[in-house]
């Protein structure tokens, strides 16, 4: 049975440990007909005001853009062979301002958490001002971490859910 926790800090260590181990997440969006679409990507994470906050460097593909325009609710799922999992239910929105895009670029470059990230110049040679460099802001309203060896599960839910 899942244990509910009041503060994100109650599961923060496991959240970051699993993400550092797994690295890649499956991002799920939903189309206008309610059909899910999955893709594997590499979000980066930090904690701001005692809440998780994610950033995702992406290309603005027509499918992703249409799905998020219709429904910004997304799920990010991490899994490894030891059955450790992280599930992040969130609202995901496009970042439009250059200051925030540069901020996300720097987080990718240094790794956030440490060990998770990459050099984004491999995809956007023009740096954070490259016209094809896009950033998504991930605002979780529910996070679940599941330990595979005994199925111990903890769930954090934001006080003011955006769901």
C-alpha atoms as a PDB file:
ATOM      1  CA  UNK A   1       0.000   0.000   0.000  1.00  0.00           C
ATOM      2  CA  UNK A   2       1.225   3.490  -0.803  1.00  0.00           C
ATOM      3  CA  UNK A   3       2.142   5.848   1.984  1.00  0.00           C
ATOM      4  CA  UNK A   4       1.137   9.491   1.530  1.00  0.00           C
ATOM      5  CA  UNK A   5       3.675  12.074   2.653  1.00  0.00           C
ATOM      6  CA  UNK A   6       2.986  15.714   3.466  1.00  0.00           C
ATOM      7  CA  UNK A   7       6.223  17.272   2.252  1.00  0.00           C
ATOM      8  CA  UNK A   8       8.157  16.598  -0.911  1.00  0.00           C
ATOM      9  CA  UNK A   9      11.299  16.469   1.231  1.00  0.00           C
ATOM     10  CA  UNK A  10       9.920  13.215   2.724  1.00  0.00           C
ATOM     11  CA  UNK A  11      10.679  11.429  -0.571  1.00  0.00           C
ATOM     12  CA  UNK A  12      13.154  13.849  -2.177  1.00  0.00           C
ATOM     13  CA  UNK A  13      16.231  11.671  -1.596  1.00  0.00           C
ATOM     14  CA  UNK A  14      14.637   8.630  -3.234  1.00  0.00           C
ATOM     15  CA  UNK A  15      13.302  10.807  -6.077  1.00  0.00           C
ATOM     16  CA  UNK A  16      16.766  12.094  -6.930  1.00  0.00           C
ATOM     17  CA  UNK A  17      18.526   8.757  -6.286  1.00  0.00           C
ATOM     18  CA  UNK A  18      16.221   6.947  -8.711  1.00  0.00           C
ATOM     19  CA  UNK A  19      16.396   9.698 -11.339  1.00  0.00           C
ATOM     20  CA  UNK A  20      20.217   9.732 -11.167  1.00  0.00           C
ATOM     21  CA  UNK A  21      20.198   5.962 -11.631  1.00  0.00           C
ATOM     22  CA  UNK A  22      17.575   5.805 -14.391  1.00  0.00           C
ATOM     23  CA  UNK A  23      18.241   9.161 -16.173  1.00  0.00           C
ATOM     24  CA  UNK A  24      15.706   8.867 -19.027  1.00  0.00           C
ATOM     25  CA  UNK A  25      11.963   9.274 -18.564  1.00  0.00           C
ATOM     26  CA  UNK A  26       8.975   8.350 -20.649  1.00  0.00           C
ATOM     27  CA  UNK A  27       6.860  11.463 -21.229  1.00  0.00           C
ATOM     28  CA  UNK A  28       3.149  10.874 -21.812  1.00  0.00           C
ATOM     29  CA  UNK A  29       0.869  13.429 -23.464  1.00  0.00           C
ATOM     30  CA  UNK A  30      -2.718  13.040 -24.644  1.00  0.00           C
ATOM     31  CA  UNK A  31      -4.257  14.021 -27.984  1.00  0.00           C
ATOM     32  CA  UNK A  32      -7.683  15.618 -28.593  1.00  0.00           C
ATOM     33  CA  UNK A  33      -9.302  12.179 -28.703  1.00  0.00           C
ATOM     34  CA  UNK A  34      -7.848  11.195 -25.311  1.00  0.00           C
ATOM     35  CA  UNK A  35      -5.240   8.838 -26.777  1.00  0.00           C
ATOM     36  CA  UNK A  36      -1.851   8.772 -25.029  1.00  0.00           C
ATOM     37  CA  UNK A  37       1.480   9.256 -26.778  1.00  0.00           C
ATOM     38  CA  UNK A  38       4.793   8.261 -25.205  1.00  0.00           C
ATOM     39  CA  UNK A  39       8.300   9.389 -25.973  1.00  0.00           C
ATOM     40  CA  UNK A  40      11.607   8.932 -24.128  1.00  0.00           C
ATOM     41  CA  UNK A  41      13.327  12.147 -23.071  1.00  0.00           C
ATOM     42  CA  UNK A  42      15.715  13.480 -20.443  1.00  0.00           C
ATOM     43  CA  UNK A  43      14.167  16.023 -18.053  1.00  0.00           C
ATOM     44  CA  UNK A  44      16.250  17.761 -15.428  1.00  0.00           C
ATOM     45  CA  UNK A  45      15.003  18.546 -11.932  1.00  0.00           C
ATOM     46  CA  UNK A  46      15.465  20.878  -9.013  1.00  0.00           C
ATOM     47  CA  UNK A  47      13.559  21.798  -5.871  1.00  0.00           C
ATOM     48  CA  UNK A  48      12.128  25.306  -5.604  1.00  0.00           C
ATOM     49  CA  UNK A  49      10.151  26.414  -2.551  1.00  0.00           C
ATOM     50  CA  UNK A  50      10.083  22.818  -1.275  1.00  0.00           C
ATOM     51  CA  UNK A  51       8.470  21.565  -4.502  1.00  0.00           C
ATOM     52  CA  UNK A  52       9.950  19.681  -7.435  1.00  0.00           C
ATOM     53  CA  UNK A  53      10.341  21.617 -10.662  1.00  0.00           C
ATOM     54  CA  UNK A  54      11.408  20.107 -13.961  1.00  0.00           C
ATOM     55  CA  UNK A  55      12.801  21.418 -17.214  1.00  0.00           C
ATOM     56  CA  UNK A  56      12.848  19.658 -20.541  1.00  0.00           C
ATOM     57  CA  UNK A  57      14.934  20.745 -23.538  1.00  0.00           C
ATOM     58  CA  UNK A  58      13.081  19.720 -26.689  1.00  0.00           C
ATOM     59  CA  UNK A  59      12.316  20.388 -30.301  1.00  0.00           C
ATOM     60  CA  UNK A  60       8.809  21.810 -30.720  1.00  0.00           C
ATOM     61  CA  UNK A  61       7.358  19.019 -32.831  1.00  0.00           C
ATOM     62  CA  UNK A  62       3.846  19.396 -34.264  1.00  0.00           C
ATOM     63  CA  UNK A  63       2.501  16.455 -32.235  1.00  0.00           C
ATOM     64  CA  UNK A  64       3.978  17.586 -28.923  1.00  0.00           C
ATOM     65  CA  UNK A  65       2.840  21.175 -29.514  1.00  0.00           C
ATOM     66  CA  UNK A  66      -0.713  20.105 -30.418  1.00  0.00           C
ATOM     67  CA  UNK A  67      -1.018  17.764 -27.444  1.00  0.00           C
ATOM     68  CA  UNK A  68       0.198  20.361 -24.935  1.00  0.00           C
ATOM     69  CA  UNK A  69      -1.991  23.084 -26.471  1.00  0.00           C
ATOM     70  CA  UNK A  70      -5.018  20.852 -25.992  1.00  0.00           C
ATOM     71  CA  UNK A  71      -4.082  19.403 -22.601  1.00  0.00           C
ATOM     72  CA  UNK A  72      -0.989  20.451 -20.597  1.00  0.00           C
ATOM     73  CA  UNK A  73      -1.330  17.526 -18.160  1.00  0.00           C
ATOM     74  CA  UNK A  74       1.576  15.118 -18.592  1.00  0.00           C
ATOM     75  CA  UNK A  75       3.126  12.156 -16.851  1.00  0.00           C
ATOM     76  CA  UNK A  76       6.827  11.368 -16.653  1.00  0.00           C
ATOM     77  CA  UNK A  77       7.695   7.791 -15.766  1.00  0.00           C
ATOM     78  CA  UNK A  78      11.075   6.371 -14.753  1.00  0.00           C
ATOM     79  CA  UNK A  79      11.769   2.638 -14.413  1.00  0.00           C
ATOM     80  CA  UNK A  80      14.804   0.393 -14.003  1.00  0.00           C
ATOM     81  CA  UNK A  81      15.315  -3.375 -13.992  1.00  0.00           C
ATOM     82  CA  UNK A  82      15.276  -3.474 -10.187  1.00  0.00           C
ATOM     83  CA  UNK A  83      11.662  -2.252 -10.518  1.00  0.00           C
ATOM     84  CA  UNK A  84      12.442   1.101  -8.876  1.00  0.00           C
ATOM     85  CA  UNK A  85      10.062   3.665 -10.318  1.00  0.00           C
ATOM     86  CA  UNK A  86       9.250   7.352 -10.229  1.00  0.00           C
ATOM     87  CA  UNK A  87       5.964   8.714 -11.566  1.00  0.00           C
ATOM     88  CA  UNK A  88       5.516  12.462 -11.967  1.00  0.00           C
ATOM     89  CA  UNK A  89       2.040  13.805 -12.788  1.00  0.00           C
ATOM     90  CA  UNK A  90       2.329  17.420 -13.822  1.00  0.00           C
ATOM     91  CA  UNK A  91       1.328  20.400 -15.860  1.00  0.00           C
ATOM     92  CA  UNK A  92       3.824  21.110 -18.637  1.00  0.00           C
ATOM     93  CA  UNK A  93       4.044  24.454 -20.433  1.00  0.00           C
ATOM     94  CA  UNK A  94       6.294  26.057 -23.028  1.00  0.00           C
ATOM     95  CA  UNK A  95       8.896  28.543 -21.810  1.00  0.00           C
ATOM     96  CA  UNK A  96       8.897  31.707 -23.889  1.00  0.00           C
ATOM     97  CA  UNK A  97      11.410  34.002 -22.180  1.00  0.00           C
ATOM     98  CA  UNK A  98      15.127  33.880 -22.972  1.00  0.00           C
ATOM     99  CA  UNK A  99      16.244  34.244 -19.344  1.00  0.00           C
ATOM    100  CA  UNK A 100      14.483  31.021 -18.363  1.00  0.00           C
ATOM    101  CA  UNK A 101      15.742  29.212 -21.471  1.00  0.00           C
ATOM    102  CA  UNK A 102      19.309  30.178 -20.527  1.00  0.00           C
ATOM    103  CA  UNK A 103      18.667  29.015 -16.968  1.00  0.00           C
ATOM    104  CA  UNK A 104      17.482  25.593 -18.184  1.00  0.00           C
ATOM    105  CA  UNK A 105      20.443  25.404 -20.597  1.00  0.00           C
ATOM    106  CA  UNK A 106      22.833  25.949 -17.680  1.00  0.00           C
ATOM    107  CA  UNK A 107      21.083  23.277 -15.589  1.00  0.00           C
ATOM    108  CA  UNK A 108      21.511  20.773 -18.429  1.00  0.00           C
ATOM    109  CA  UNK A 109      25.167  21.692 -18.784  1.00  0.00           C
ATOM    110  CA  UNK A 110      26.016  21.304 -15.083  1.00  0.00           C
ATOM    111  CA  UNK A 111      23.621  18.398 -14.459  1.00  0.00           C
ATOM    112  CA  UNK A 112      20.503  18.702 -12.351  1.00  0.00           C
ATOM    113  CA  UNK A 113      20.577  16.561 -10.353  1.00  0.00           C
ATOM    114  CA  UNK A 114      24.341  16.054 -10.696  1.00  0.00           C
ATOM    115  CA  UNK A 115      24.952  13.250 -13.165  1.00  0.00           C
ATOM    116  CA  UNK A 116      21.748  13.895 -15.112  1.00  0.00           C
ATOM    117  CA  UNK A 117      22.063  16.244 -18.055  1.00  0.00           C
ATOM    118  CA  UNK A 118      24.162  16.623 -21.175  1.00  0.00           C
ATOM    119  CA  UNK A 119      25.794  19.218 -23.360  1.00  0.00           C
ATOM    120  CA  UNK A 120      22.815  20.677 -25.246  1.00  0.00           C
ATOM    121  CA  UNK A 121      25.138  22.022 -27.974  1.00  0.00           C
ATOM    122  CA  UNK A 122      25.099  18.501 -29.400  1.00  0.00           C
ATOM    123  CA  UNK A 123      21.512  19.256 -30.505  1.00  0.00           C
ATOM    124  CA  UNK A 124      21.382  23.072 -30.593  1.00  0.00           C
ATOM    125  CA  UNK A 125      24.703  24.364 -31.897  1.00  0.00           C
ATOM    126  CA  UNK A 126      23.554  27.969 -31.565  1.00  0.00           C
ATOM    127  CA  UNK A 127      23.369  27.710 -27.794  1.00  0.00           C
ATOM    128  CA  UNK A 128      20.357  28.823 -25.771  1.00  0.00           C
ATOM    129  CA  UNK A 129      19.471  31.408 -28.448  1.00  0.00           C
ATOM    130  CA  UNK A 130      19.249  28.732 -31.153  1.00  0.00           C
ATOM    131  CA  UNK A 131      15.785  29.199 -32.711  1.00  0.00           C
ATOM    132  CA  UNK A 132      15.086  25.454 -32.495  1.00  0.00           C
ATOM    133  CA  UNK A 133      15.971  25.240 -28.776  1.00  0.00           C
ATOM    134  CA  UNK A 134      12.745  24.978 -26.796  1.00  0.00           C
ATOM    135  CA  UNK A 135      12.173  24.393 -23.112  1.00  0.00           C
ATOM    136  CA  UNK A 136       9.215  22.925 -21.278  1.00  0.00           C
ATOM    137  CA  UNK A 137       8.518  23.779 -17.638  1.00  0.00           C
ATOM    138  CA  UNK A 138       7.283  20.770 -15.649  1.00  0.00           C
ATOM    139  CA  UNK A 139       5.227  21.592 -12.555  1.00  0.00           C
ATOM    140  CA  UNK A 140       4.420  18.387 -10.675  1.00  0.00           C
ATOM    141  CA  UNK A 141       1.231  18.092  -8.654  1.00  0.00           C
ATOM    142  CA  UNK A 142       1.838  14.437  -7.717  1.00  0.00           C
ATOM    143  CA  UNK A 143       5.047  12.415  -7.347  1.00  0.00           C
ATOM    144  CA  UNK A 144       5.253   8.725  -6.496  1.00  0.00           C
ATOM    145  CA  UNK A 145       8.433   6.781  -5.777  1.00  0.00           C
ATOM    146  CA  UNK A 146       8.272   3.000  -5.685  1.00  0.00           C
ATOM    147  CA  UNK A 147      11.062   0.771  -4.379  1.00  0.00           C
ATOM    148  CA  UNK A 148      11.117  -2.448  -6.354  1.00  0.00           C
ATOM    149  CA  UNK A 149      12.530  -4.888  -3.802  1.00  0.00           C
ATOM    150  CA  UNK A 150       9.505  -4.637  -1.499  1.00  0.00           C
ATOM    151  CA  UNK A 151       7.072  -2.405  -3.447  1.00  0.00           C
ATOM    152  CA  UNK A 152       7.310   0.280  -0.754  1.00  0.00           C
ATOM    153  CA  UNK A 153       5.642   3.328  -2.286  1.00  0.00           C
ATOM    154  CA  UNK A 154       5.420   6.949  -1.171  1.00  0.00           C
ATOM    155  CA  UNK A 155       3.251   9.632  -2.752  1.00  0.00           C
ATOM    156  CA  UNK A 156       3.513  13.391  -2.441  1.00  0.00           C
ATOM    157  CA  UNK A 157       0.673  15.580  -3.682  1.00  0.00           C
ATOM    158  CA  UNK A 158       0.865  19.365  -3.917  1.00  0.00           C
ATOM    159  CA  UNK A 159      -1.393  21.229  -1.522  1.00  0.00           C
ATOM    160  CA  UNK A 160      -2.892  23.142  -4.410  1.00  0.00           C
ATOM    161  CA  UNK A 161      -3.180  20.588  -7.155  1.00  0.00           C
ATOM    162  CA  UNK A 162      -3.248  21.833 -10.724  1.00  0.00           C
ATOM    163  CA  UNK A 163      -5.046  18.693 -11.841  1.00  0.00           C
END
